[in-house]
């Protein structure tokens, strides 16, 4: 999954939507899965794990609601979506978030 998301450092409480797919581009079935978003800022030890929500399991759609701790400062963050099933764990990688600085106000 090669995805880049643009965010603003320090912003939170908005939704980022994802559609997960199998290698053949069909929907990845999330029925029975528990989801987590792993966030790590490149070049640092800063990392956290937050829960995600399945939107439509059969379609592979899910969403992430970043907390105030997700993207606290400018930089590039590596993201992984971890899908935990009974007896299996599937991790989606190659997701990046680019956190830009807020535009200053007068």
PDB file of N, CA and C in Angstrom:
ATOM      1  N   UNK A   1       0.862  -1.160   0.000  1.00  0.00           N
ATOM      2  CA  UNK A   1       0.000   0.000   0.000  1.00  0.00           C
ATOM      3  C   UNK A   1       0.911   1.226   0.000  1.00  0.00           C
ATOM      4  N   UNK A   2       1.085   1.893  -1.104  1.00  0.00           N
ATOM      5  CA  UNK A   2       1.890   3.108  -1.187  1.00  0.00           C
ATOM      6  C   UNK A   2       0.971   4.314  -1.094  1.00  0.00           C
ATOM      7  N   UNK A   3       0.933   4.903   0.092  1.00  0.00           N
ATOM      8  CA  UNK A   3       0.029   6.018   0.334  1.00  0.00           C
ATOM      9  C   UNK A   3       0.758   7.111   1.101  1.00  0.00           C
ATOM     10  N   UNK A   4       0.568   8.356   0.689  1.00  0.00           N
ATOM     11  CA  UNK A   4       1.097   9.502   1.424  1.00  0.00           C
ATOM     12  C   UNK A   4      -0.071  10.402   1.795  1.00  0.00           C
ATOM     13  N   UNK A   5      -0.111  10.788   3.066  1.00  0.00           N
ATOM     14  CA  UNK A   5      -1.181  11.606   3.596  1.00  0.00           C
ATOM     15  C   UNK A   5      -0.572  12.917   4.079  1.00  0.00           C
ATOM     16  N   UNK A   6      -1.173  14.028   3.715  1.00  0.00           N
ATOM     17  CA  UNK A   6      -0.731  15.332   4.196  1.00  0.00           C
ATOM     18  C   UNK A   6      -1.564  15.723   5.411  1.00  0.00           C
ATOM     19  N   UNK A   7      -0.868  16.058   6.503  1.00  0.00           N
ATOM     20  CA  UNK A   7      -1.540  16.490   7.723  1.00  0.00           C
ATOM     21  C   UNK A   7      -0.862  17.775   8.220  1.00  0.00           C
ATOM     22  N   UNK A   8      -1.475  18.410   9.186  1.00  0.00           N
ATOM     23  CA  UNK A   8      -0.891  19.590   9.815  1.00  0.00           C
ATOM     24  C   UNK A   8      -0.461  19.200  11.226  1.00  0.00           C
ATOM     25  N   UNK A   9       0.796  19.449  11.549  1.00  0.00           N
ATOM     26  CA  UNK A   9       1.335  19.100  12.864  1.00  0.00           C
ATOM     27  C   UNK A   9       0.473  19.701  13.973  1.00  0.00           C
ATOM     28  N   UNK A  10       0.139  18.863  14.940  1.00  0.00           N
ATOM     29  CA  UNK A  10      -0.647  19.327  16.079  1.00  0.00           C
ATOM     30  C   UNK A  10      -2.149  19.236  15.908  1.00  0.00           C
ATOM     31  N   UNK A  11      -2.626  19.088  14.684  1.00  0.00           N
ATOM     32  CA  UNK A  11      -4.076  18.950  14.480  1.00  0.00           C
ATOM     33  C   UNK A  11      -4.521  17.539  14.881  1.00  0.00           C
ATOM     34  N   UNK A  12      -5.760  17.428  15.325  1.00  0.00           N
ATOM     35  CA  UNK A  12      -6.303  16.123  15.706  1.00  0.00           C
ATOM     36  C   UNK A  12      -7.823  16.180  15.690  1.00  0.00           C
ATOM     37  N   UNK A  13      -8.463  15.002  15.831  1.00  0.00           N
ATOM     38  CA  UNK A  13      -9.914  14.956  15.897  1.00  0.00           C
ATOM     39  C   UNK A  13     -10.613  14.897  14.555  1.00  0.00           C
ATOM     40  N   UNK A  14      -9.876  14.691  13.481  1.00  0.00           N
ATOM     41  CA  UNK A  14     -10.452  14.549  12.140  1.00  0.00           C
ATOM     42  C   UNK A  14     -10.305  13.086  11.722  1.00  0.00           C
ATOM     43  N   UNK A  15     -10.959  12.692  10.657  1.00  0.00           N
ATOM     44  CA  UNK A  15     -10.951  11.291  10.213  1.00  0.00           C
ATOM     45  C   UNK A  15     -10.090  11.116   8.973  1.00  0.00           C
ATOM     46  N   UNK A  16      -9.267  10.068   8.987  1.00  0.00           N
ATOM     47  CA  UNK A  16      -8.514   9.653   7.799  1.00  0.00           C
ATOM     48  C   UNK A  16      -9.088   8.303   7.386  1.00  0.00           C
ATOM     49  N   UNK A  17      -9.605   8.220   6.171  1.00  0.00           N
ATOM     50  CA  UNK A  17     -10.234   6.995   5.672  1.00  0.00           C
ATOM     51  C   UNK A  17      -9.257   6.165   4.849  1.00  0.00           C
ATOM     52  N   UNK A  18      -9.391   4.846   4.959  1.00  0.00           N
ATOM     53  CA  UNK A  18      -8.558   3.910   4.206  1.00  0.00           C
ATOM     54  C   UNK A  18      -9.439   2.835   3.585  1.00  0.00           C
ATOM     55  N   UNK A  19      -9.024   2.329   2.432  1.00  0.00           N
ATOM     56  CA  UNK A  19      -9.611   1.136   1.829  1.00  0.00           C
ATOM     57  C   UNK A  19      -8.474   0.145   1.648  1.00  0.00           C
ATOM     58  N   UNK A  20      -8.521  -0.952   2.378  1.00  0.00           N
ATOM     59  CA  UNK A  20      -7.457  -1.957   2.331  1.00  0.00           C
ATOM     60  C   UNK A  20      -7.764  -2.969   1.239  1.00  0.00           C
ATOM     61  N   UNK A  21      -6.713  -3.345   0.510  1.00  0.00           N
ATOM     62  CA  UNK A  21      -6.879  -4.274  -0.613  1.00  0.00           C
ATOM     63  C   UNK A  21      -5.886  -5.419  -0.539  1.00  0.00           C
ATOM     64  N   UNK A  22      -6.307  -6.554  -1.099  1.00  0.00           N
ATOM     65  CA  UNK A  22      -5.413  -7.690  -1.287  1.00  0.00           C
ATOM     66  C   UNK A  22      -4.439  -7.366  -2.419  1.00  0.00           C
ATOM     67  N   UNK A  23      -3.437  -8.215  -2.607  1.00  0.00           N
ATOM     68  CA  UNK A  23      -2.446  -8.008  -3.672  1.00  0.00           C
ATOM     69  C   UNK A  23      -3.082  -7.943  -5.056  1.00  0.00           C
ATOM     70  N   UNK A  24      -4.226  -8.612  -5.241  1.00  0.00           N
ATOM     71  CA  UNK A  24      -4.903  -8.611  -6.545  1.00  0.00           C
ATOM     72  C   UNK A  24      -5.901  -7.451  -6.684  1.00  0.00           C
ATOM     73  N   UNK A  25      -5.828  -6.484  -5.778  1.00  0.00           N
ATOM     74  CA  UNK A  25      -6.667  -5.271  -5.765  1.00  0.00           C
ATOM     75  C   UNK A  25      -8.124  -5.502  -5.358  1.00  0.00           C
ATOM     76  N   UNK A  26      -8.455  -6.689  -4.897  1.00  0.00           N
ATOM     77  CA  UNK A  26      -9.796  -6.916  -4.357  1.00  0.00           C
ATOM     78  C   UNK A  26      -9.826  -6.426  -2.913  1.00  0.00           C
ATOM     79  N   UNK A  27     -11.019  -6.203  -2.392  1.00  0.00           N
ATOM     80  CA  UNK A  27     -11.167  -5.705  -1.028  1.00  0.00           C
ATOM     81  C   UNK A  27     -10.620  -6.707  -0.015  1.00  0.00           C
ATOM     82  N   UNK A  28      -9.893  -6.212   0.964  1.00  0.00           N
ATOM     83  CA  UNK A  28      -9.389  -7.037   2.061  1.00  0.00           C
ATOM     84  C   UNK A  28     -10.497  -7.097   3.110  1.00  0.00           C
ATOM     85  N   UNK A  29     -11.019  -8.284   3.355  1.00  0.00           N
ATOM     86  CA  UNK A  29     -12.157  -8.455   4.258  1.00  0.00           C
ATOM     87  C   UNK A  29     -11.720  -8.271   5.714  1.00  0.00           C
ATOM     88  N   UNK A  30     -12.310  -7.319   6.384  1.00  0.00           N
ATOM     89  CA  UNK A  30     -11.967  -7.000   7.766  1.00  0.00           C
ATOM     90  C   UNK A  30     -12.924  -7.621   8.784  1.00  0.00           C
ATOM     91  N   UNK A  31     -13.763  -8.532   8.335  1.00  0.00           N
ATOM     92  CA  UNK A  31     -14.722  -9.161   9.241  1.00  0.00           C
ATOM     93  C   UNK A  31     -13.987  -9.835  10.400  1.00  0.00           C
ATOM     94  N   UNK A  32     -14.340  -9.456  11.608  1.00  0.00           N
ATOM     95  CA  UNK A  32     -13.750 -10.039  12.813  1.00  0.00           C
ATOM     96  C   UNK A  32     -12.408  -9.446  13.212  1.00  0.00           C
ATOM     97  N   UNK A  33     -11.947  -8.422  12.514  1.00  0.00           N
ATOM     98  CA  UNK A  33     -10.629  -7.841  12.797  1.00  0.00           C
ATOM     99  C   UNK A  33     -10.692  -6.735  13.846  1.00  0.00           C
ATOM    100  N   UNK A  34      -9.627  -6.641  14.599  1.00  0.00           N
ATOM    101  CA  UNK A  34      -9.369  -5.502  15.468  1.00  0.00           C
ATOM    102  C   UNK A  34      -8.239  -4.736  14.805  1.00  0.00           C
ATOM    103  N   UNK A  35      -8.387  -3.418  14.664  1.00  0.00           N
ATOM    104  CA  UNK A  35      -7.411  -2.627  13.923  1.00  0.00           C
ATOM    105  C   UNK A  35      -6.649  -1.671  14.827  1.00  0.00           C
ATOM    106  N   UNK A  36      -5.378  -1.472  14.483  1.00  0.00           N
ATOM    107  CA  UNK A  36      -4.552  -0.487  15.178  1.00  0.00           C
ATOM    108  C   UNK A  36      -3.725   0.276  14.155  1.00  0.00           C
ATOM    109  N   UNK A  37      -3.524   1.554  14.423  1.00  0.00           N
ATOM    110  CA  UNK A  37      -2.637   2.379  13.612  1.00  0.00           C
ATOM    111  C   UNK A  37      -1.349   2.560  14.412  1.00  0.00           C
ATOM    112  N   UNK A  38      -0.236   2.125  13.840  1.00  0.00           N
ATOM    113  CA  UNK A  38       1.083   2.330  14.447  1.00  0.00           C
ATOM    114  C   UNK A  38       1.694   3.551  13.780  1.00  0.00           C
ATOM    115  N   UNK A  39       2.193   4.479  14.574  1.00  0.00           N
ATOM    116  CA  UNK A  39       2.753   5.732  14.077  1.00  0.00           C
ATOM    117  C   UNK A  39       4.170   5.871  14.616  1.00  0.00           C
ATOM    118  N   UNK A  40       5.141   6.120  13.722  1.00  0.00           N
ATOM    119  CA  UNK A  40       6.508   6.379  14.164  1.00  0.00           C
ATOM    120  C   UNK A  40       7.105   7.503  13.333  1.00  0.00           C
ATOM    121  N   UNK A  41       7.630   8.521  14.018  1.00  0.00           N
ATOM    122  CA  UNK A  41       8.285   9.619  13.311  1.00  0.00           C
ATOM    123  C   UNK A  41       9.636   9.146  12.811  1.00  0.00           C
ATOM    124  N   UNK A  42       9.906   9.385  11.519  1.00  0.00           N
ATOM    125  CA  UNK A  42      11.174   8.959  10.928  1.00  0.00           C
ATOM    126  C   UNK A  42      12.348   9.595  11.658  1.00  0.00           C
ATOM    127  N   UNK A  43      13.388   8.787  11.885  1.00  0.00           N
ATOM    128  CA  UNK A  43      14.615   9.284  12.489  1.00  0.00           C
ATOM    129  C   UNK A  43      14.549   9.516  13.981  1.00  0.00           C
ATOM    130  N   UNK A  44      13.478   9.095  14.620  1.00  0.00           N
ATOM    131  CA  UNK A  44      13.341   9.276  16.070  1.00  0.00           C
ATOM    132  C   UNK A  44      12.836   7.989  16.702  1.00  0.00           C
ATOM    133  N   UNK A  45      12.782   7.980  18.017  1.00  0.00           N
ATOM    134  CA  UNK A  45      12.208   6.834  18.730  1.00  0.00           C
ATOM    135  C   UNK A  45      10.734   7.078  19.049  1.00  0.00           C
ATOM    136  N   UNK A  46      10.205   8.250  18.622  1.00  0.00           N
ATOM    137  CA  UNK A  46       8.803   8.569  18.900  1.00  0.00           C
ATOM    138  C   UNK A  46       7.894   7.584  18.179  1.00  0.00           C
ATOM    139  N   UNK A  47       7.031   6.917  18.931  1.00  0.00           N
ATOM    140  CA  UNK A  47       6.094   5.958  18.334  1.00  0.00           C
ATOM    141  C   UNK A  47       4.869   5.816  19.236  1.00  0.00           C
ATOM    142  N   UNK A  48       3.738   5.485  18.623  1.00  0.00           N
ATOM    143  CA  UNK A  48       2.538   5.190  19.387  1.00  0.00           C
ATOM    144  C   UNK A  48       1.633   4.267  18.583  1.00  0.00           C
ATOM    145  N   UNK A  49       0.673   3.690  19.270  1.00  0.00           N
ATOM    146  CA  UNK A  49      -0.316   2.815  18.651  1.00  0.00           C
ATOM    147  C   UNK A  49      -1.685   3.287  19.101  1.00  0.00           C
ATOM    148  N   UNK A  50      -2.588   3.479  18.123  1.00  0.00           N
ATOM    149  CA  UNK A  50      -3.946   3.918  18.431  1.00  0.00           C
ATOM    150  C   UNK A  50      -4.946   3.030  17.711  1.00  0.00           C
ATOM    151  N   UNK A  51      -6.132   2.923  18.270  1.00  0.00           N
ATOM    152  CA  UNK A  51      -7.150   2.069  17.659  1.00  0.00           C
ATOM    153  C   UNK A  51      -7.737   2.723  16.416  1.00  0.00           C
ATOM    154  N   UNK A  52      -8.252   1.867  15.542  1.00  0.00           N
ATOM    155  CA  UNK A  52      -8.948   2.289  14.327  1.00  0.00           C
ATOM    156  C   UNK A  52     -10.341   1.667  14.353  1.00  0.00           C
ATOM    157  N   UNK A  53     -11.177   2.109  13.425  1.00  0.00           N
ATOM    158  CA  UNK A  53     -12.552   1.617  13.347  1.00  0.00           C
ATOM    159  C   UNK A  53     -12.811   1.026  11.970  1.00  0.00           C
ATOM    160  N   UNK A  54     -13.423  -0.157  11.953  1.00  0.00           N
ATOM    161  CA  UNK A  54     -13.867  -0.750  10.699  1.00  0.00           C
ATOM    162  C   UNK A  54     -15.141  -0.018  10.278  1.00  0.00           C
ATOM    163  N   UNK A  55     -15.210   0.407   9.015  1.00  0.00           N
ATOM    164  CA  UNK A  55     -16.404   1.085   8.497  1.00  0.00           C
ATOM    165  C   UNK A  55     -17.309   0.055   7.829  1.00  0.00           C
ATOM    166  N   UNK A  56     -16.806  -0.598   6.785  1.00  0.00           N
ATOM    167  CA  UNK A  56     -17.535  -1.678   6.109  1.00  0.00           C
ATOM    168  C   UNK A  56     -16.560  -2.835   5.915  1.00  0.00           C
ATOM    169  N   UNK A  57     -16.707  -3.874   6.713  1.00  0.00           N
ATOM    170  CA  UNK A  57     -15.733  -4.974   6.749  1.00  0.00           C
ATOM    171  C   UNK A  57     -15.522  -5.625   5.387  1.00  0.00           C
ATOM    172  N   UNK A  58     -16.591  -5.982   4.707  1.00  0.00           N
ATOM    173  CA  UNK A  58     -16.464  -6.695   3.429  1.00  0.00           C
ATOM    174  C   UNK A  58     -15.797  -5.851   2.354  1.00  0.00           C
ATOM    175  N   UNK A  59     -15.876  -4.530   2.471  1.00  0.00           N
ATOM    176  CA  UNK A  59     -15.265  -3.635   1.486  1.00  0.00           C
ATOM    177  C   UNK A  59     -13.852  -3.223   1.862  1.00  0.00           C
ATOM    178  N   UNK A  60     -13.386  -3.625   3.044  1.00  0.00           N
ATOM    179  CA  UNK A  60     -12.045  -3.282   3.483  1.00  0.00           C
ATOM    180  C   UNK A  60     -11.888  -1.830   3.900  1.00  0.00           C
ATOM    181  N   UNK A  61     -12.994  -1.160   4.213  1.00  0.00           N
ATOM    182  CA  UNK A  61     -12.886   0.253   4.573  1.00  0.00           C
ATOM    183  C   UNK A  61     -12.786   0.418   6.089  1.00  0.00           C
ATOM    184  N   UNK A  62     -11.925   1.354   6.474  1.00  0.00           N
ATOM    185  CA  UNK A  62     -11.706   1.627   7.878  1.00  0.00           C
ATOM    186  C   UNK A  62     -11.321   3.090   8.031  1.00  0.00           C
ATOM    187  N   UNK A  63     -11.284   3.566   9.291  1.00  0.00           N
ATOM    188  CA  UNK A  63     -10.939   4.966   9.512  1.00  0.00           C
ATOM    189  C   UNK A  63     -10.081   5.099  10.764  1.00  0.00           C
ATOM    190  N   UNK A  64      -9.304   6.175  10.745  1.00  0.00           N
ATOM    191  CA  UNK A  64      -8.408   6.503  11.852  1.00  0.00           C
ATOM    192  C   UNK A  64      -8.708   7.923  12.308  1.00  0.00           C
ATOM    193  N   UNK A  65      -8.875   8.093  13.599  1.00  0.00           N
ATOM    194  CA  UNK A  65      -9.138   9.390  14.207  1.00  0.00           C
ATOM    195  C   UNK A  65      -7.904   9.762  15.032  1.00  0.00           C
ATOM    196  N   UNK A  66      -6.984  10.549  14.457  1.00  0.00           N
ATOM    197  CA  UNK A  66      -5.748  10.856  15.174  1.00  0.00           C
ATOM    198  C   UNK A  66      -6.006  11.605  16.483  1.00  0.00           C
ATOM    199  N   UNK A  67      -5.265  11.220  17.514  1.00  0.00           N
ATOM    200  CA  UNK A  67      -5.301  11.947  18.778  1.00  0.00           C
ATOM    201  C   UNK A  67      -4.301  13.102  18.703  1.00  0.00           C
ATOM    202  N   UNK A  68      -4.260  13.916  19.729  1.00  0.00           N
ATOM    203  CA  UNK A  68      -3.319  15.029  19.754  1.00  0.00           C
ATOM    204  C   UNK A  68      -1.869  14.550  19.801  1.00  0.00           C
ATOM    205  N   UNK A  69      -1.643  13.296  20.145  1.00  0.00           N
ATOM    206  CA  UNK A  69      -0.284  12.743  20.217  1.00  0.00           C
ATOM    207  C   UNK A  69       0.197  12.151  18.890  1.00  0.00           C
ATOM    208  N   UNK A  70      -0.677  12.027  17.900  1.00  0.00           N
ATOM    209  CA  UNK A  70      -0.324  11.330  16.659  1.00  0.00           C
ATOM    210  C   UNK A  70       0.753  12.037  15.842  1.00  0.00           C
ATOM    211  N   UNK A  71       0.552  13.304  15.548  1.00  0.00           N
ATOM    212  CA  UNK A  71       1.487  14.061  14.705  1.00  0.00           C
ATOM    213  C   UNK A  71       1.817  15.392  15.405  1.00  0.00           C
ATOM    214  N   UNK A  72       2.555  15.337  16.509  1.00  0.00           N
ATOM    215  CA  UNK A  72       2.738  16.528  17.339  1.00  0.00           C
ATOM    216  C   UNK A  72       3.644  17.605  16.748  1.00  0.00           C
ATOM    217  N   UNK A  73       4.490  17.234  15.800  1.00  0.00           N
ATOM    218  CA  UNK A  73       5.407  18.216  15.221  1.00  0.00           C
ATOM    219  C   UNK A  73       5.646  17.921  13.750  1.00  0.00           C
ATOM    220  N   UNK A  74       6.239  18.896  13.062  1.00  0.00           N
ATOM    221  CA  UNK A  74       6.544  18.727  11.640  1.00  0.00           C
ATOM    222  C   UNK A  74       7.421  17.504  11.417  1.00  0.00           C
ATOM    223  N   UNK A  75       7.259  16.886  10.260  1.00  0.00           N
ATOM    224  CA  UNK A  75       8.115  15.765   9.904  1.00  0.00           C
ATOM    225  C   UNK A  75       7.376  14.703   9.119  1.00  0.00           C
ATOM    226  N   UNK A  76       8.082  13.630   8.855  1.00  0.00           N
ATOM    227  CA  UNK A  76       7.511  12.493   8.129  1.00  0.00           C
ATOM    228  C   UNK A  76       7.323  11.350   9.111  1.00  0.00           C
ATOM    229  N   UNK A  77       6.135  10.787   9.089  1.00  0.00           N
ATOM    230  CA  UNK A  77       5.776   9.695   9.985  1.00  0.00           C
ATOM    231  C   UNK A  77       5.495   8.436   9.174  1.00  0.00           C
ATOM    232  N   UNK A  78       6.058   7.316   9.599  1.00  0.00           N
ATOM    233  CA  UNK A  78       5.745   6.022   8.998  1.00  0.00           C
ATOM    234  C   UNK A  78       4.529   5.462   9.716  1.00  0.00           C
ATOM    235  N   UNK A  79       3.565   4.973   8.940  1.00  0.00           N
ATOM    236  CA  UNK A  79       2.340   4.416   9.499  1.00  0.00           C
ATOM    237  C   UNK A  79       2.197   2.958   9.097  1.00  0.00           C
ATOM    238  N   UNK A  80       1.624   2.166   9.978  1.00  0.00           N
ATOM    239  CA  UNK A  80       1.264   0.787   9.668  1.00  0.00           C
ATOM    240  C   UNK A  80      -0.132   0.526  10.209  1.00  0.00           C
ATOM    241  N   UNK A  81      -0.949  -0.139   9.396  1.00  0.00           N
ATOM    242  CA  UNK A  81      -2.265  -0.576   9.849  1.00  0.00           C
ATOM    243  C   UNK A  81      -2.147  -2.054  10.184  1.00  0.00           C
ATOM    244  N   UNK A  82      -2.387  -2.383  11.456  1.00  0.00           N
ATOM    245  CA  UNK A  82      -2.270  -3.764  11.923  1.00  0.00           C
ATOM    246  C   UNK A  82      -3.669  -4.333  12.125  1.00  0.00           C
ATOM    247  N   UNK A  83      -3.963  -5.399  11.389  1.00  0.00           N
ATOM    248  CA  UNK A  83      -5.265  -6.071  11.443  1.00  0.00           C
ATOM    249  C   UNK A  83      -5.082  -7.386  12.194  1.00  0.00           C
ATOM    250  N   UNK A  84      -5.700  -7.494  13.361  1.00  0.00           N
ATOM    251  CA  UNK A  84      -5.556  -8.694  14.184  1.00  0.00           C
ATOM    252  C   UNK A  84      -6.849  -9.500  14.125  1.00  0.00           C
ATOM    253  N   UNK A  85      -6.694 -10.743  13.671  1.00  0.00           N
ATOM    254  CA  UNK A  85      -7.800 -11.696  13.593  1.00  0.00           C
ATOM    255  C   UNK A  85      -7.520 -12.824  14.574  1.00  0.00           C
ATOM    256  N   UNK A  86      -8.492 -13.657  14.830  1.00  0.00           N
ATOM    257  CA  UNK A  86      -8.258 -14.856  15.625  1.00  0.00           C
ATOM    258  C   UNK A  86      -7.312 -15.759  14.836  1.00  0.00           C
ATOM    259  N   UNK A  87      -6.080 -15.895  15.303  1.00  0.00           N
ATOM    260  CA  UNK A  87      -5.118 -16.773  14.637  1.00  0.00           C
ATOM    261  C   UNK A  87      -4.307 -16.139  13.524  1.00  0.00           C
ATOM    262  N   UNK A  88      -4.417 -14.832  13.299  1.00  0.00           N
ATOM    263  CA  UNK A  88      -3.645 -14.192  12.229  1.00  0.00           C
ATOM    264  C   UNK A  88      -3.481 -12.693  12.496  1.00  0.00           C
ATOM    265  N   UNK A  89      -2.353 -12.172  12.051  1.00  0.00           N
ATOM    266  CA  UNK A  89      -2.096 -10.726  12.090  1.00  0.00           C
ATOM    267  C   UNK A  89      -1.602 -10.323  10.715  1.00  0.00           C
ATOM    268  N   UNK A  90      -2.234  -9.311  10.122  1.00  0.00           N
ATOM    269  CA  UNK A  90      -1.846  -8.803   8.801  1.00  0.00           C
ATOM    270  C   UNK A  90      -1.535  -7.316   8.957  1.00  0.00           C
ATOM    271  N   UNK A  91      -0.341  -6.912   8.482  1.00  0.00           N
ATOM    272  CA  UNK A  91       0.093  -5.519   8.618  1.00  0.00           C
ATOM    273  C   UNK A  91       0.238  -4.877   7.248  1.00  0.00           C
ATOM    274  N   UNK A  92      -0.404  -3.731   7.088  1.00  0.00           N
ATOM    275  CA  UNK A  92      -0.279  -2.939   5.860  1.00  0.00           C
ATOM    276  C   UNK A  92       0.777  -1.871   6.103  1.00  0.00           C
ATOM    277  N   UNK A  93       1.757  -1.798   5.193  1.00  0.00           N
ATOM    278  CA  UNK A  93       2.890  -0.895   5.360  1.00  0.00           C
ATOM    279  C   UNK A  93       2.955   0.098   4.197  1.00  0.00           C
ATOM    280  N   UNK A  94       4.062   0.828   4.126  1.00  0.00           N
ATOM    281  CA  UNK A  94       4.307   1.821   3.070  1.00  0.00           C
ATOM    282  C   UNK A  94       3.260   2.931   3.069  1.00  0.00           C
ATOM    283  N   UNK A  95       2.893   3.356   4.271  1.00  0.00           N
ATOM    284  CA  UNK A  95       1.990   4.488   4.436  1.00  0.00           C
ATOM    285  C   UNK A  95       2.786   5.580   5.144  1.00  0.00           C
ATOM    286  N   UNK A  96       2.744   6.761   4.627  1.00  0.00           N
ATOM    287  CA  UNK A  96       3.461   7.878   5.235  1.00  0.00           C
ATOM    288  C   UNK A  96       2.514   9.052   5.467  1.00  0.00           C
ATOM    289  N   UNK A  97       2.776   9.774   6.528  1.00  0.00           N
ATOM    290  CA  UNK A  97       2.081  11.034   6.786  1.00  0.00           C
ATOM    291  C   UNK A  97       3.128  12.127   6.818  1.00  0.00           C
ATOM    292  N   UNK A  98       2.901  13.176   6.052  1.00  0.00           N
ATOM    293  CA  UNK A  98       3.795  14.329   6.044  1.00  0.00           C
ATOM    294  C   UNK A  98       3.106  15.428   6.834  1.00  0.00           C
ATOM    295  N   UNK A  99       3.686  15.752   7.992  1.00  0.00           N
ATOM    296  CA  UNK A  99       3.104  16.770   8.864  1.00  0.00           C
ATOM    297  C   UNK A  99       3.779  18.109   8.603  1.00  0.00           C
ATOM    298  N   UNK A 100       2.994  19.051   8.125  1.00  0.00           N
ATOM    299  CA  UNK A 100       3.485  20.404   7.839  1.00  0.00           C
ATOM    300  C   UNK A 100       3.206  21.318   9.014  1.00  0.00           C
ATOM    301  N   UNK A 101       3.960  22.402   9.074  1.00  0.00           N
ATOM    302  CA  UNK A 101       3.743  23.401  10.127  1.00  0.00           C
ATOM    303  C   UNK A 101       2.450  24.154   9.878  1.00  0.00           C
ATOM    304  N   UNK A 102       1.843  24.615  10.937  1.00  0.00           N
ATOM    305  CA  UNK A 102       0.658  25.474  10.808  1.00  0.00           C
ATOM    306  C   UNK A 102       1.107  26.816  10.230  1.00  0.00           C
ATOM    307  N   UNK A 103       0.265  27.408   9.435  1.00  0.00           N
ATOM    308  CA  UNK A 103       0.531  28.735   8.904  1.00  0.00           C
ATOM    309  C   UNK A 103       0.312  29.724  10.059  1.00  0.00           C
ATOM    310  N   UNK A 104       1.304  30.567  10.336  1.00  0.00           N
ATOM    311  CA  UNK A 104       1.137  31.500  11.459  1.00  0.00           C
ATOM    312  C   UNK A 104       0.030  32.521  11.196  1.00  0.00           C
ATOM    313  N   UNK A 105      -0.620  32.939  12.259  1.00  0.00           N
ATOM    314  CA  UNK A 105      -1.658  33.964  12.151  1.00  0.00           C
ATOM    315  C   UNK A 105      -1.147  35.246  12.791  1.00  0.00           C
ATOM    316  N   UNK A 106      -1.668  36.335  12.334  1.00  0.00           N
ATOM    317  CA  UNK A 106      -1.240  37.637  12.878  1.00  0.00           C
ATOM    318  C   UNK A 106      -1.979  37.969  14.137  1.00  0.00           C
TER     319      UNK A 106
END
